[in-house]
Full PDB file with SEQRES, HELIX, SHEET, SSBOND, CRYST1, ORIGX, SCALE, CONECT and MASTER records, all heavy atoms in Angstrom:
SEQRES   1 A   40  SER ASN GLY LEU LEU THR THR ASN THR ILE ASP GLN ALA          
SEQRES   2 A   40  ILE GLN ARG ALA GLY SER LYS ALA GLY ASN LYS GLY ALA          
SEQRES   3 A   40  GLU ALA MET LEU SER ILE ILE GLU MET LEU ASN LEU TYR          
SEQRES   4 A   40  LYS                                                          
HELIX    1 AA1 ILE A   10  ARG A   16  1                                   7    
HELIX    2 AA2 LYS A   24  TYR A   39  1                                  16    
CRYST1    1.000    1.000    1.000  90.00  90.00  90.00 P 1           1          
ORIGX1      1.000000  0.000000  0.000000        0.00000                         
ORIGX2      0.000000  1.000000  0.000000        0.00000                         
ORIGX3      0.000000  0.000000  1.000000        0.00000                         
SCALE1      1.000000  0.000000  0.000000        0.00000                         
SCALE2      0.000000  1.000000  0.000000        0.00000                         
SCALE3      0.000000  0.000000  1.000000        0.00000                         
ATOM      1  N   SER A   1       0.845  -1.197   0.000  1.00  0.00           N  
ATOM      2  CA  SER A   1       0.000   0.000   0.000  1.00  0.00           C  
ATOM      3  C   SER A   1       0.874   1.238   0.000  1.00  0.00           C  
ATOM      4  O   SER A   1       1.993   1.234   0.512  1.00  0.00           O  
ATOM      5  CB  SER A   1      -0.952   0.013   1.194  1.00  0.00           C  
ATOM      6  OG  SER A   1      -0.245   0.142   2.405  1.00  0.00           O  
ATOM      7  N   ASN A   2       0.340   2.293  -0.593  1.00  0.00           N  
ATOM      8  CA  ASN A   2       1.035   3.564  -0.680  1.00  0.00           C  
ATOM      9  C   ASN A   2       0.348   4.559   0.240  1.00  0.00           C  
ATOM     10  O   ASN A   2      -0.669   5.139  -0.118  1.00  0.00           O  
ATOM     11  CB  ASN A   2       1.042   4.067  -2.124  1.00  0.00           C  
ATOM     12  CG  ASN A   2       1.779   5.380  -2.277  1.00  0.00           C  
ATOM     13  OD1 ASN A   2       2.183   6.005  -1.302  1.00  0.00           O  
ATOM     14  ND2 ASN A   2       1.950   5.808  -3.508  1.00  0.00           N  
ATOM     15  N   GLY A   3       0.897   4.744   1.430  1.00  0.00           N  
ATOM     16  CA  GLY A   3       0.373   5.710   2.386  1.00  0.00           C  
ATOM     17  C   GLY A   3       1.252   6.943   2.444  1.00  0.00           C  
ATOM     18  O   GLY A   3       1.448   7.521   3.513  1.00  0.00           O  
ATOM     19  N   LEU A   4       1.785   7.330   1.304  1.00  0.00           N  
ATOM     20  CA  LEU A   4       2.646   8.506   1.223  1.00  0.00           C  
ATOM     21  C   LEU A   4       1.778   9.754   1.070  1.00  0.00           C  
ATOM     22  O   LEU A   4       1.085   9.913   0.066  1.00  0.00           O  
ATOM     23  CB  LEU A   4       3.598   8.370   0.032  1.00  0.00           C  
ATOM     24  CG  LEU A   4       4.578   9.496  -0.219  1.00  0.00           C  
ATOM     25  CD1 LEU A   4       5.557   9.621   0.946  1.00  0.00           C  
ATOM     26  CD2 LEU A   4       5.331   9.252  -1.517  1.00  0.00           C  
ATOM     27  N   LEU A   5       1.807  10.616   2.075  1.00  0.00           N  
ATOM     28  CA  LEU A   5       1.077  11.879   1.985  1.00  0.00           C  
ATOM     29  C   LEU A   5       1.854  12.840   1.099  1.00  0.00           C  
ATOM     30  O   LEU A   5       3.075  12.961   1.224  1.00  0.00           O  
ATOM     31  CB  LEU A   5       0.926  12.530   3.360  1.00  0.00           C  
ATOM     32  CG  LEU A   5       0.153  11.788   4.435  1.00  0.00           C  
ATOM     33  CD1 LEU A   5       0.100  12.632   5.709  1.00  0.00           C  
ATOM     34  CD2 LEU A   5      -1.238  11.436   3.965  1.00  0.00           C  
ATOM     35  N   THR A   6       1.163  13.511   0.208  1.00  0.00           N  
ATOM     36  CA  THR A   6       1.757  14.583  -0.592  1.00  0.00           C  
ATOM     37  C   THR A   6       0.828  15.776  -0.433  1.00  0.00           C  
ATOM     38  O   THR A   6      -0.227  15.832  -1.056  1.00  0.00           O  
ATOM     39  CB  THR A   6       1.898  14.167  -2.063  1.00  0.00           C  
ATOM     40  OG1 THR A   6       0.640  13.720  -2.562  1.00  0.00           O  
ATOM     41  CG2 THR A   6       2.917  13.055  -2.225  1.00  0.00           C  
ATOM     42  N   THR A   7       1.222  16.702   0.431  1.00  0.00           N  
ATOM     43  CA  THR A   7       0.335  17.810   0.779  1.00  0.00           C  
ATOM     44  C   THR A   7       0.983  19.152   0.455  1.00  0.00           C  
ATOM     45  O   THR A   7       2.206  19.267   0.368  1.00  0.00           O  
ATOM     46  CB  THR A   7      -0.046  17.775   2.267  1.00  0.00           C  
ATOM     47  OG1 THR A   7       1.128  17.947   3.057  1.00  0.00           O  
ATOM     48  CG2 THR A   7      -0.731  16.465   2.629  1.00  0.00           C  
ATOM     49  N   ASN A   8       0.140  20.153   0.319  1.00  0.00           N  
ATOM     50  CA  ASN A   8       0.621  21.504   0.049  1.00  0.00           C  
ATOM     51  C   ASN A   8       1.070  22.227   1.310  1.00  0.00           C  
ATOM     52  O   ASN A   8       1.909  23.119   1.240  1.00  0.00           O  
ATOM     53  CB  ASN A   8      -0.468  22.324  -0.644  1.00  0.00           C  
ATOM     54  CG  ASN A   8      -0.704  21.862  -2.059  1.00  0.00           C  
ATOM     55  OD1 ASN A   8       0.233  21.619  -2.800  1.00  0.00           O  
ATOM     56  ND2 ASN A   8      -1.960  21.720  -2.431  1.00  0.00           N  
ATOM     57  N   THR A   9       0.505  21.833   2.456  1.00  0.00           N  
ATOM     58  CA  THR A   9       0.825  22.532   3.705  1.00  0.00           C  
ATOM     59  C   THR A   9       0.972  21.537   4.854  1.00  0.00           C  
ATOM     60  O   THR A   9       0.472  20.410   4.783  1.00  0.00           O  
ATOM     61  CB  THR A   9      -0.296  23.532   4.086  1.00  0.00           C  
ATOM     62  OG1 THR A   9      -1.480  22.787   4.400  1.00  0.00           O  
ATOM     63  CG2 THR A   9      -0.572  24.535   2.971  1.00  0.00           C  
ATOM     64  N   ILE A  10       1.626  21.995   5.900  1.00  0.00           N  
ATOM     65  CA  ILE A  10       1.748  21.187   7.110  1.00  0.00           C  
ATOM     66  C   ILE A  10       0.375  20.933   7.718  1.00  0.00           C  
ATOM     67  O   ILE A  10       0.113  19.854   8.241  1.00  0.00           O  
ATOM     68  CB  ILE A  10       2.724  21.829   8.129  1.00  0.00           C  
ATOM     69  CG1 ILE A  10       2.980  20.899   9.318  1.00  0.00           C  
ATOM     70  CG2 ILE A  10       2.212  23.143   8.643  1.00  0.00           C  
ATOM     71  CD1 ILE A  10       3.938  19.809   9.051  1.00  0.00           C  
ATOM     72  N   ASP A  11      -0.524  21.918   7.635  1.00  0.00           N  
ATOM     73  CA  ASP A  11      -1.880  21.737   8.172  1.00  0.00           C  
ATOM     74  C   ASP A  11      -2.612  20.601   7.468  1.00  0.00           C  
ATOM     75  O   ASP A  11      -3.304  19.813   8.110  1.00  0.00           O  
ATOM     76  CB  ASP A  11      -2.694  23.030   8.062  1.00  0.00           C  
ATOM     77  CG  ASP A  11      -2.225  24.102   9.033  1.00  0.00           C  
ATOM     78  OD1 ASP A  11      -1.614  23.744  10.061  1.00  0.00           O  
ATOM     79  OD2 ASP A  11      -2.466  25.291   8.753  1.00  0.00           O  
ATOM     80  N   GLN A  12      -2.467  20.498   6.153  1.00  0.00           N  
ATOM     81  CA  GLN A  12      -3.087  19.393   5.421  1.00  0.00           C  
ATOM     82  C   GLN A  12      -2.510  18.058   5.874  1.00  0.00           C  
ATOM     83  O   GLN A  12      -3.232  17.079   6.015  1.00  0.00           O  
ATOM     84  CB  GLN A  12      -2.879  19.561   3.913  1.00  0.00           C  
ATOM     85  CG  GLN A  12      -3.683  20.693   3.309  1.00  0.00           C  
ATOM     86  CD  GLN A  12      -3.346  20.901   1.846  1.00  0.00           C  
ATOM     87  OE1 GLN A  12      -2.318  20.440   1.344  1.00  0.00           O  
ATOM     88  NE2 GLN A  12      -4.214  21.620   1.148  1.00  0.00           N  
ATOM     89  N   ALA A  13      -1.221  18.017   6.105  1.00  0.00           N  
ATOM     90  CA  ALA A  13      -0.581  16.777   6.566  1.00  0.00           C  
ATOM     91  C   ALA A  13      -1.102  16.392   7.948  1.00  0.00           C  
ATOM     92  O   ALA A  13      -1.413  15.224   8.196  1.00  0.00           O  
ATOM     93  CB  ALA A  13       0.937  16.942   6.584  1.00  0.00           C  
ATOM     94  N   ILE A  14      -1.205  17.355   8.841  1.00  0.00           N  
ATOM     95  CA  ILE A  14      -1.717  17.100  10.192  1.00  0.00           C  
ATOM     96  C   ILE A  14      -3.140  16.552  10.126  1.00  0.00           C  
ATOM     97  O   ILE A  14      -3.481  15.596  10.835  1.00  0.00           O  
ATOM     98  CB  ILE A  14      -1.654  18.377  11.058  1.00  0.00           C  
ATOM     99  CG1 ILE A  14      -0.186  18.722  11.364  1.00  0.00           C  
ATOM    100  CG2 ILE A  14      -2.464  18.226  12.339  1.00  0.00           C  
ATOM    101  CD1 ILE A  14       0.015  20.107  11.941  1.00  0.00           C  
ATOM    102  N   GLN A  15      -3.961  17.131   9.262  1.00  0.00           N  
ATOM    103  CA  GLN A  15      -5.351  16.667   9.119  1.00  0.00           C  
ATOM    104  C   GLN A  15      -5.406  15.224   8.661  1.00  0.00           C  
ATOM    105  O   GLN A  15      -6.294  14.474   9.065  1.00  0.00           O  
ATOM    106  CB  GLN A  15      -6.101  17.562   8.137  1.00  0.00           C  
ATOM    107  CG  GLN A  15      -6.397  18.938   8.670  1.00  0.00           C  
ATOM    108  CD  GLN A  15      -7.030  19.846   7.625  1.00  0.00           C  
ATOM    109  OE1 GLN A  15      -7.510  19.374   6.587  1.00  0.00           O  
ATOM    110  NE2 GLN A  15      -7.018  21.138   7.871  1.00  0.00           N  
ATOM    111  N   ARG A  16      -4.461  14.801   7.839  1.00  0.00           N  
ATOM    112  CA  ARG A  16      -4.472  13.443   7.286  1.00  0.00           C  
ATOM    113  C   ARG A  16      -3.742  12.429   8.160  1.00  0.00           C  
ATOM    114  O   ARG A  16      -3.729  11.252   7.863  1.00  0.00           O  
ATOM    115  CB  ARG A  16      -3.868  13.474   5.883  1.00  0.00           C  
ATOM    116  CG  ARG A  16      -4.828  14.102   4.892  1.00  0.00           C  
ATOM    117  CD  ARG A  16      -4.132  14.637   3.657  1.00  0.00           C  
ATOM    118  NE  ARG A  16      -5.094  15.208   2.716  1.00  0.00           N  
ATOM    119  CZ  ARG A  16      -5.681  16.383   2.869  1.00  0.00           C  
ATOM    120  NH1 ARG A  16      -5.430  17.132   3.926  1.00  0.00           N  
ATOM    121  NH2 ARG A  16      -6.555  16.832   1.976  1.00  0.00           N  
ATOM    122  N   ALA A  17      -3.147  12.911   9.240  1.00  0.00           N  
ATOM    123  CA  ALA A  17      -2.403  12.028  10.136  1.00  0.00           C  
ATOM    124  C   ALA A  17      -3.137  11.840  11.461  1.00  0.00           C  
ATOM    125  O   ALA A  17      -2.520  11.648  12.489  1.00  0.00           O  
ATOM    126  CB  ALA A  17      -1.006  12.592  10.371  1.00  0.00           C  
ATOM    127  N   GLY A  18      -4.460  11.892  11.406  1.00  0.00           N  
ATOM    128  CA  GLY A  18      -5.232  11.605  12.604  1.00  0.00           C  
ATOM    129  C   GLY A  18      -6.119  12.727  13.070  1.00  0.00           C  
ATOM    130  O   GLY A  18      -6.744  12.624  14.116  1.00  0.00           O  
ATOM    131  N   SER A  19      -6.211  13.785  12.291  1.00  0.00           N  
ATOM    132  CA  SER A  19      -7.071  14.908  12.671  1.00  0.00           C  
ATOM    133  C   SER A  19      -8.376  14.827  11.877  1.00  0.00           C  
ATOM    134  O   SER A  19      -8.967  13.761  11.764  1.00  0.00           O  
ATOM    135  CB  SER A  19      -6.317  16.223  12.420  1.00  0.00           C  
ATOM    136  OG  SER A  19      -7.060  17.327  12.856  1.00  0.00           O  
ATOM    137  N   LYS A  20      -8.808  15.915  11.292  1.00  0.00           N  
ATOM    138  CA  LYS A  20     -10.105  16.009  10.608  1.00  0.00           C  
ATOM    139  C   LYS A  20     -10.301  14.995   9.477  1.00  0.00           C  
ATOM    140  O   LYS A  20     -11.383  14.481   9.293  1.00  0.00           O  
ATOM    141  CB  LYS A  20     -10.286  17.412  10.017  1.00  0.00           C  
ATOM    142  CG  LYS A  20     -10.403  18.499  11.032  1.00  0.00           C  
ATOM    143  CD  LYS A  20     -10.545  19.840  10.326  1.00  0.00           C  
ATOM    144  CE  LYS A  20     -10.390  20.980  11.294  1.00  0.00           C  
ATOM    145  NZ  LYS A  20     -10.374  22.264  10.591  1.00  0.00           N  
ATOM    146  N   ALA A  21      -9.271  14.743   8.714  1.00  0.00           N  
ATOM    147  CA  ALA A  21      -9.397  13.882   7.530  1.00  0.00           C  
ATOM    148  C   ALA A  21      -9.091  12.417   7.834  1.00  0.00           C  
ATOM    149  O   ALA A  21      -8.855  11.625   6.934  1.00  0.00           O  
ATOM    150  CB  ALA A  21      -8.486  14.395   6.420  1.00  0.00           C  
ATOM    151  N   GLY A  22      -9.095  12.025   9.096  1.00  0.00           N  
ATOM    152  CA  GLY A  22      -8.801  10.641   9.463  1.00  0.00           C  
ATOM    153  C   GLY A  22      -7.310  10.385   9.487  1.00  0.00           C  
ATOM    154  O   GLY A  22      -6.507  11.309   9.485  1.00  0.00           O  
ATOM    155  N   ASN A  23      -6.937   9.126   9.522  1.00  0.00           N  
ATOM    156  CA  ASN A  23      -5.533   8.757   9.554  1.00  0.00           C  
ATOM    157  C   ASN A  23      -5.225   7.928   8.309  1.00  0.00           C  
ATOM    158  O   ASN A  23      -5.696   6.802   8.166  1.00  0.00           O  
ATOM    159  CB  ASN A  23      -5.206   7.972  10.829  1.00  0.00           C  
ATOM    160  CG  ASN A  23      -3.735   7.717  10.990  1.00  0.00           C  
ATOM    161  OD1 ASN A  23      -3.093   7.161  10.105  1.00  0.00           O  
ATOM    162  ND2 ASN A  23      -3.187   8.120  12.128  1.00  0.00           N  
ATOM    163  N   LYS A  24      -4.446   8.508   7.422  1.00  0.00           N  
ATOM    164  CA  LYS A  24      -4.129   7.828   6.163  1.00  0.00           C  
ATOM    165  C   LYS A  24      -3.216   6.614   6.376  1.00  0.00           C  
ATOM    166  O   LYS A  24      -3.177   5.724   5.530  1.00  0.00           O  
ATOM    167  CB  LYS A  24      -3.491   8.806   5.172  1.00  0.00           C  
ATOM    168  CG  LYS A  24      -4.407   9.970   4.809  1.00  0.00           C  
ATOM    169  CD  LYS A  24      -5.719   9.513   4.208  1.00  0.00           C  
ATOM    170  CE  LYS A  24      -6.615  10.665   3.862  1.00  0.00           C  
ATOM    171  NZ  LYS A  24      -7.914  10.259   3.353  1.00  0.00           N  
ATOM    172  N   GLY A  25      -2.522   6.546   7.506  1.00  0.00           N  
ATOM    173  CA  GLY A  25      -1.765   5.342   7.838  1.00  0.00           C  
ATOM    174  C   GLY A  25      -2.691   4.172   8.101  1.00  0.00           C  
ATOM    175  O   GLY A  25      -2.455   3.051   7.640  1.00  0.00           O  
ATOM    176  N   ALA A  26      -3.779   4.441   8.821  1.00  0.00           N  
ATOM    177  CA  ALA A  26      -4.787   3.402   9.073  1.00  0.00           C  
ATOM    178  C   ALA A  26      -5.434   2.972   7.762  1.00  0.00           C  
ATOM    179  O   ALA A  26      -5.665   1.780   7.536  1.00  0.00           O  
ATOM    180  CB  ALA A  26      -5.836   3.910  10.055  1.00  0.00           C  
ATOM    181  N   GLU A  27      -5.717   3.928   6.886  1.00  0.00           N  
ATOM    182  CA  GLU A  27      -6.321   3.591   5.596  1.00  0.00           C  
ATOM    183  C   GLU A  27      -5.382   2.736   4.749  1.00  0.00           C  
ATOM    184  O   GLU A  27      -5.820   1.799   4.078  1.00  0.00           O  
ATOM    185  CB  GLU A  27      -6.707   4.862   4.841  1.00  0.00           C  
ATOM    186  CG  GLU A  27      -7.885   5.594   5.456  1.00  0.00           C  
ATOM    187  CD  GLU A  27      -8.250   6.856   4.703  1.00  0.00           C  
ATOM    188  OE1 GLU A  27      -7.887   6.997   3.506  1.00  0.00           O  
ATOM    189  OE2 GLU A  27      -8.907   7.712   5.313  1.00  0.00           O  
ATOM    190  N   ALA A  28      -4.089   3.049   4.788  1.00  0.00           N  
ATOM    191  CA  ALA A  28      -3.115   2.264   4.027  1.00  0.00           C  
ATOM    192  C   ALA A  28      -3.054   0.835   4.562  1.00  0.00           C  
ATOM    193  O   ALA A  28      -2.956  -0.125   3.794  1.00  0.00           O  
ATOM    194  CB  ALA A  28      -1.739   2.924   4.075  1.00  0.00           C  
ATOM    195  N   MET A  29      -3.124   0.671   5.889  1.00  0.00           N  
ATOM    196  CA  MET A  29      -3.118  -0.673   6.470  1.00  0.00           C  
ATOM    197  C   MET A  29      -4.411  -1.407   6.143  1.00  0.00           C  
ATOM    198  O   MET A  29      -4.395  -2.620   5.890  1.00  0.00           O  
ATOM    199  CB  MET A  29      -2.907  -0.608   7.984  1.00  0.00           C  
ATOM    200  CG  MET A  29      -2.796  -1.972   8.641  1.00  0.00           C  
ATOM    201  SD  MET A  29      -1.457  -3.028   8.017  1.00  0.00           S  
ATOM    202  CE  MET A  29      -0.034  -2.214   8.745  1.00  0.00           C  
ATOM    203  N   LEU A  30      -5.516  -0.710   6.140  1.00  0.00           N  
ATOM    204  CA  LEU A  30      -6.793  -1.336   5.795  1.00  0.00           C  
ATOM    205  C   LEU A  30      -6.743  -1.881   4.358  1.00  0.00           C  
ATOM    206  O   LEU A  30      -7.256  -2.973   4.083  1.00  0.00           O  
ATOM    207  CB  LEU A  30      -7.931  -0.336   5.964  1.00  0.00           C  
ATOM    208  CG  LEU A  30      -9.315  -0.894   6.183  1.00  0.00           C  
ATOM    209  CD1 LEU A  30      -9.374  -1.809   7.392  1.00  0.00           C  
ATOM    210  CD2 LEU A  30     -10.309   0.253   6.353  1.00  0.00           C  
ATOM    211  N   SER A  31      -6.097  -1.149   3.481  1.00  0.00           N  
ATOM    212  CA  SER A  31      -5.917  -1.634   2.103  1.00  0.00           C  
ATOM    213  C   SER A  31      -5.087  -2.914   2.081  1.00  0.00           C  
ATOM    214  O   SER A  31      -5.394  -3.846   1.326  1.00  0.00           O  
ATOM    215  CB  SER A  31      -5.221  -0.575   1.245  1.00  0.00           C  
ATOM    216  OG  SER A  31      -6.045   0.536   1.057  1.00  0.00           O  
ATOM    217  N   ILE A  32      -4.053  -2.956   2.912  1.00  0.00           N  
ATOM    218  CA  ILE A  32      -3.222  -4.159   3.003  1.00  0.00           C  
ATOM    219  C   ILE A  32      -4.061  -5.350   3.449  1.00  0.00           C  
ATOM    220  O   ILE A  32      -3.982  -6.437   2.867  1.00  0.00           O  
ATOM    221  CB  ILE A  32      -2.053  -3.932   3.988  1.00  0.00           C  
ATOM    222  CG1 ILE A  32      -0.995  -3.024   3.376  1.00  0.00           C  
ATOM    223  CG2 ILE A  32      -1.432  -5.250   4.452  1.00  0.00           C  
ATOM    224  CD1 ILE A  32      -0.260  -3.624   2.199  1.00  0.00           C  
ATOM    225  N   ILE A  33      -4.860  -5.156   4.476  1.00  0.00           N  
ATOM    226  CA  ILE A  33      -5.691  -6.246   5.011  1.00  0.00           C  
ATOM    227  C   ILE A  33      -6.652  -6.755   3.944  1.00  0.00           C  
ATOM    228  O   ILE A  33      -6.772  -7.966   3.723  1.00  0.00           O  
ATOM    229  CB  ILE A  33      -6.447  -5.778   6.273  1.00  0.00           C  
ATOM    230  CG1 ILE A  33      -5.445  -5.486   7.397  1.00  0.00           C  
ATOM    231  CG2 ILE A  33      -7.487  -6.811   6.701  1.00  0.00           C  
ATOM    232  CD1 ILE A  33      -6.035  -4.717   8.566  1.00  0.00           C  
ATOM    233  N   GLU A  34      -7.302  -5.835   3.262  1.00  0.00           N  
ATOM    234  CA  GLU A  34      -8.242  -6.235   2.216  1.00  0.00           C  
ATOM    235  C   GLU A  34      -7.535  -6.961   1.075  1.00  0.00           C  
ATOM    236  O   GLU A  34      -8.008  -7.986   0.586  1.00  0.00           O  
ATOM    237  CB  GLU A  34      -8.989  -5.016   1.684  1.00  0.00           C  
ATOM    238  CG  GLU A  34     -10.056  -5.369   0.685  1.00  0.00           C  
ATOM    239  CD  GLU A  34     -10.924  -4.199   0.272  1.00  0.00           C  
ATOM    240  OE1 GLU A  34     -10.878  -3.136   0.916  1.00  0.00           O  
ATOM    241  OE2 GLU A  34     -11.677  -4.371  -0.708  1.00  0.00           O  
ATOM    242  N   MET A  35      -6.384  -6.452   0.675  1.00  0.00           N  
ATOM    243  CA  MET A  35      -5.661  -7.075  -0.430  1.00  0.00           C  
ATOM    244  C   MET A  35      -5.094  -8.439  -0.054  1.00  0.00           C  
ATOM    245  O   MET A  35      -5.061  -9.351  -0.882  1.00  0.00           O  
ATOM    246  CB  MET A  35      -4.557  -6.147  -0.944  1.00  0.00           C  
ATOM    247  CG  MET A  35      -5.092  -4.905  -1.645  1.00  0.00           C  
ATOM    248  SD  MET A  35      -6.183  -5.281  -3.036  1.00  0.00           S  
ATOM    249  CE  MET A  35      -5.028  -5.983  -4.188  1.00  0.00           C  
ATOM    250  N   LEU A  36      -4.641  -8.591   1.189  1.00  0.00           N  
ATOM    251  CA  LEU A  36      -4.173  -9.918   1.636  1.00  0.00           C  
ATOM    252  C   LEU A  36      -5.289 -10.949   1.469  1.00  0.00           C  
ATOM    253  O   LEU A  36      -5.059 -12.053   0.973  1.00  0.00           O  
ATOM    254  CB  LEU A  36      -3.744  -9.878   3.105  1.00  0.00           C  
ATOM    255  CG  LEU A  36      -2.332  -9.415   3.401  1.00  0.00           C  
ATOM    256  CD1 LEU A  36      -2.160  -9.140   4.888  1.00  0.00           C  
ATOM    257  CD2 LEU A  36      -1.325 -10.440   2.908  1.00  0.00           C  
ATOM    258  N   ASN A  37      -6.486 -10.586   1.880  1.00  0.00           N  
ATOM    259  CA  ASN A  37      -7.627 -11.506   1.769  1.00  0.00           C  
ATOM    260  C   ASN A  37      -8.074 -11.686   0.325  1.00  0.00           C  
ATOM    261  O   ASN A  37      -8.465 -12.783  -0.070  1.00  0.00           O  
ATOM    262  CB  ASN A  37      -8.768 -11.022   2.654  1.00  0.00           C  
ATOM    263  CG  ASN A  37      -8.490 -11.279   4.117  1.00  0.00           C  
ATOM    264  OD1 ASN A  37      -8.197 -12.405   4.513  1.00  0.00           O  
ATOM    265  ND2 ASN A  37      -8.532 -10.243   4.938  1.00  0.00           N  
ATOM    266  N   LEU A  38      -7.999 -10.643  -0.469  1.00  0.00           N  
ATOM    267  CA  LEU A  38      -8.372 -10.762  -1.877  1.00  0.00           C  
ATOM    268  C   LEU A  38      -7.399 -11.682  -2.612  1.00  0.00           C  
ATOM    269  O   LEU A  38      -7.819 -12.522  -3.407  1.00  0.00           O  
ATOM    270  CB  LEU A  38      -8.398  -9.382  -2.541  1.00  0.00           C  
ATOM    271  CG  LEU A  38      -8.783  -9.372  -4.011  1.00  0.00           C  
ATOM    272  CD1 LEU A  38     -10.200  -9.918  -4.209  1.00  0.00           C  
ATOM    273  CD2 LEU A  38      -8.657  -7.976  -4.587  1.00  0.00           C  
ATOM    274  N   TYR A  39      -6.114 -11.563  -2.330  1.00  0.00           N  
ATOM    275  CA  TYR A  39      -5.134 -12.447  -2.955  1.00  0.00           C  
ATOM    276  C   TYR A  39      -5.447 -13.900  -2.664  1.00  0.00           C  
ATOM    277  O   TYR A  39      -5.295 -14.770  -3.517  1.00  0.00           O  
ATOM    278  CB  TYR A  39      -3.723 -12.117  -2.465  1.00  0.00           C  
ATOM    279  CG  TYR A  39      -3.028 -10.994  -3.209  1.00  0.00           C  
ATOM    280  CD1 TYR A  39      -3.725  -9.880  -3.676  1.00  0.00           C  
ATOM    281  CD2 TYR A  39      -1.664 -11.034  -3.432  1.00  0.00           C  
ATOM    282  CE1 TYR A  39      -3.089  -8.865  -4.334  1.00  0.00           C  
ATOM    283  CE2 TYR A  39      -1.007 -10.006  -4.094  1.00  0.00           C  
ATOM    284  CZ  TYR A  39      -1.719  -8.928  -4.546  1.00  0.00           C  
ATOM    285  OH  TYR A  39      -1.078  -7.914  -5.208  1.00  0.00           O  
ATOM    286  N   LYS A  40      -5.886 -14.186  -1.435  1.00  0.00           N  
ATOM    287  CA  LYS A  40      -6.263 -15.565  -1.065  1.00  0.00           C  
ATOM    288  C   LYS A  40      -7.486 -16.013  -1.858  1.00  0.00           C  
ATOM    289  O   LYS A  40      -7.563 -17.175  -2.279  1.00  0.00           O  
ATOM    290  CB  LYS A  40      -6.556 -15.660   0.431  1.00  0.00           C  
ATOM    291  CG  LYS A  40      -5.340 -15.486   1.308  1.00  0.00           C  
ATOM    292  CD  LYS A  40      -5.730 -15.436   2.775  1.00  0.00           C  
ATOM    293  CE  LYS A  40      -4.586 -14.973   3.637  1.00  0.00           C  
ATOM    294  NZ  LYS A  40      -4.993 -14.653   4.990  1.00  0.00           N  
TER     295      LYS A  40                                                      
MASTER        0    0    0    2    0    0    0    6  294    1    0    4          
END                                                                             
């Protein structure tokens, strides 16, 4: 999974790391979990 944030501002990064926009690290791991099961 690609959980690489590419943001215009530090505020956008903060929002995506557990603030208003959720946690993109959790989303990247969720993709891993789904793909592991899909591969099976």
